[in-house]
Protein backbone atom coordinates (compact mmCIF):
# COMPACT_ATOMS: atom_id res chain seq x y z
CA MET A 1 0.00 0.00 0.00
CA ARG A 2 2.82 2.39 0.90
CA ARG A 3 4.43 1.77 -2.49
CA ILE A 4 1.17 2.61 -4.29
CA LEU A 5 0.89 5.88 -2.35
CA LEU A 6 4.49 6.77 -3.25
CA ILE A 7 3.86 6.11 -6.94
CA ALA A 8 0.63 8.15 -6.80
CA ALA A 9 2.50 11.03 -5.15
CA LEU A 10 5.17 10.93 -7.86
CA PHE A 11 2.57 11.03 -10.62
CA ALA A 12 0.67 13.84 -8.92
CA GLY A 13 3.85 15.89 -8.61
CA GLY A 14 4.69 15.29 -12.26
CA ALA A 15 1.24 16.39 -13.35
CA GLN A 16 1.80 19.74 -11.66
CA ALA A 17 5.18 20.34 -13.32
CA ALA A 18 5.21 23.05 -15.98
CA GLU A 19 5.30 21.94 -19.57
CA PRO A 20 8.39 23.09 -21.48
CA LEU A 21 7.77 26.00 -23.83
CA LYS A 22 7.73 24.88 -27.43
CA ILE A 23 9.59 26.96 -29.98
CA GLU A 24 10.28 26.30 -33.67
CA VAL A 25 13.71 27.34 -34.92
CA HIS A 26 14.36 27.78 -38.64
CA ARG A 27 18.00 27.92 -39.70
CA ASP A 28 20.51 27.28 -42.45
CA ALA A 29 22.20 23.87 -42.26
CA ASN A 30 25.70 25.36 -42.17
CA CYS A 31 25.26 27.83 -39.32
CA GLY A 32 27.07 26.83 -36.11
CA CYS A 33 25.90 29.80 -34.04
CA CYS A 34 22.29 28.79 -34.67
CA LYS A 35 23.02 25.43 -33.05
CA ALA A 36 24.63 27.21 -30.10
CA TRP A 37 21.51 29.42 -29.69
CA ILE A 38 19.34 26.30 -29.74
CA GLN A 39 21.47 24.91 -26.90
CA HIS A 40 20.89 28.18 -24.98
CA LEU A 41 17.13 27.76 -25.43
CA GLN A 42 17.21 24.13 -24.31
CA ALA A 43 19.31 25.01 -21.25
CA ASN A 44 16.59 27.52 -20.35
CA GLY A 45 13.72 25.04 -20.53
CA PHE A 46 12.54 25.43 -24.12
CA GLN A 47 11.58 22.42 -26.19
CA VAL A 48 13.06 23.17 -29.63
CA GLU A 49 11.72 21.92 -32.93
CA ASP A 50 14.66 22.43 -35.30
CA HIS A 51 13.96 23.07 -39.01
CA VAL A 52 16.74 23.29 -41.58
CA GLU A 53 15.70 25.65 -44.37
CA SER A 54 17.01 26.14 -47.89
CA ASP A 55 15.59 29.68 -48.35
CA MET A 56 15.79 31.73 -45.16
CA PRO A 57 15.07 35.10 -46.87
CA ALA A 58 11.75 33.77 -48.18
CA LEU A 59 10.84 32.42 -44.74
CA LYS A 60 11.64 35.77 -43.08
CA ALA A 61 9.56 37.65 -45.65
CA ARG A 62 6.62 35.28 -45.16
CA LEU A 63 6.79 35.77 -41.39
CA GLY A 64 7.00 39.57 -41.65
CA VAL A 65 10.53 40.02 -40.33
CA PRO A 66 11.73 43.44 -41.54
CA PRO A 67 15.16 43.32 -43.23
CA SER A 68 16.46 45.90 -40.71
CA MET A 69 15.80 43.39 -37.91
CA GLY A 70 17.41 40.46 -39.73
CA SER A 71 19.87 37.94 -38.38
CA CYS A 72 20.88 34.38 -39.17
CA HIS A 73 17.95 32.34 -37.82
CA THR A 74 14.26 32.82 -37.15
CA ALA A 75 12.11 31.16 -34.52
CA LEU A 76 8.38 31.06 -33.90
CA ILE A 77 6.65 30.97 -30.53
CA ASP A 78 2.95 31.61 -29.93
CA GLY A 79 2.64 32.82 -33.55
CA LYS A 80 5.34 35.49 -33.03
CA PHE A 81 8.76 35.65 -34.64
CA VAL A 82 12.04 35.66 -32.73
CA GLU A 83 14.85 36.83 -34.97
CA GLY A 84 18.48 36.17 -34.16
CA HIS A 85 20.29 35.75 -30.87
CA VAL A 86 17.51 36.87 -28.53
CA PRO A 87 18.13 35.75 -24.92
CA ALA A 88 15.62 33.29 -23.46
CA ALA A 89 14.46 35.82 -20.84
CA ASP A 90 13.50 38.27 -23.59
CA ILE A 91 11.50 35.58 -25.38
CA LEU A 92 9.49 35.20 -22.16
CA THR A 93 8.90 38.98 -22.20
CA LEU A 94 7.71 38.77 -25.82
CA ARG A 95 5.16 36.12 -24.85
CA GLN A 96 3.62 38.58 -22.37
CA ARG A 97 3.17 41.30 -25.00
CA PRO A 98 0.07 40.76 -27.17
CA ASP A 99 0.79 44.08 -28.95
CA LEU A 100 4.00 42.71 -30.51
CA LEU A 101 4.44 40.64 -33.66
CA GLY A 102 7.95 39.59 -32.73
CA ALA A 103 11.34 40.43 -31.30
CA ALA A 104 14.83 40.59 -32.74
CA ALA A 105 18.46 40.98 -31.85
CA PRO A 106 19.54 42.37 -35.25
CA GLY A 107 22.85 41.26 -36.70
CA MET A 108 25.00 38.80 -34.84
CA PRO A 109 26.27 40.63 -31.74
CA MET A 110 29.29 39.08 -30.03
CA GLY A 111 28.44 37.91 -26.53
CA SER A 112 24.75 37.33 -27.21
CA PRO A 113 23.47 33.76 -26.63
CA GLY A 114 25.08 31.53 -29.23
CA MET A 115 27.71 34.13 -30.09
CA GLU A 116 29.89 33.78 -26.98
CA MET A 117 33.55 34.07 -27.92
CA GLY A 118 35.85 34.99 -25.08
CA ASP A 119 35.23 37.91 -22.78
CA HIS A 120 34.16 40.45 -25.43
CA HIS A 121 30.48 41.39 -25.50
CA ASP A 122 29.19 43.90 -28.04
CA ALA A 123 26.51 46.32 -26.97
CA TYR A 124 23.18 45.29 -28.50
CA GLN A 125 19.46 45.71 -28.12
CA VAL A 126 16.52 43.37 -28.37
CA LEU A 127 13.83 45.14 -30.37
CA GLY A 128 10.10 44.47 -30.43
CA LEU A 129 7.98 45.02 -33.54
CA SER A 130 4.44 46.24 -32.86
CA LYS A 131 1.40 45.43 -34.96
CA SER A 132 1.48 49.04 -36.19
CA GLY A 133 5.04 48.55 -37.50
CA SER A 134 6.85 50.60 -34.89
CA GLN A 135 9.89 49.27 -33.06
CA GLU A 136 10.73 49.59 -29.39
CA VAL A 137 13.63 48.50 -27.23
CA LEU A 138 12.71 45.49 -25.09
CA ALA A 139 16.16 45.00 -23.59
CA ASP A 140 19.48 46.82 -23.71
CA TYR A 141 22.76 44.93 -23.26
CA PRO A 142 25.84 47.10 -22.76
CA GLN A 143 29.31 46.36 -24.07
CA ARG A 144 31.54 44.47 -21.63
């Protein structure tokens, strides 16, 4: 009987555990930093569905990613785009903003998740794109 109660307690605890956040990542097959960003997402509790694409510019255009916000990979979460090396915490912020179509860390800033190379960290911003087309700063990361 005690064993049955223990098993029931384990199942009950598991049922209350949060489900991992699902995110789709679209990337070029030859991009190593994209794989590193995927590892950052997984380390922060995201369940990643990895898609290798042959035409990233067409995908970005279809998803409404402005060229000025472009980077090397594009993800989708809750119907919103995540462009480039956006930190996991900023993706969580994006999910709380129904007024935004997506977020981006334009370019490939050194020191951003997936672009860690030594102690150098470029200054960069994570930008949000509103439904009206305006951009706003969601996060500001200084140079270190």
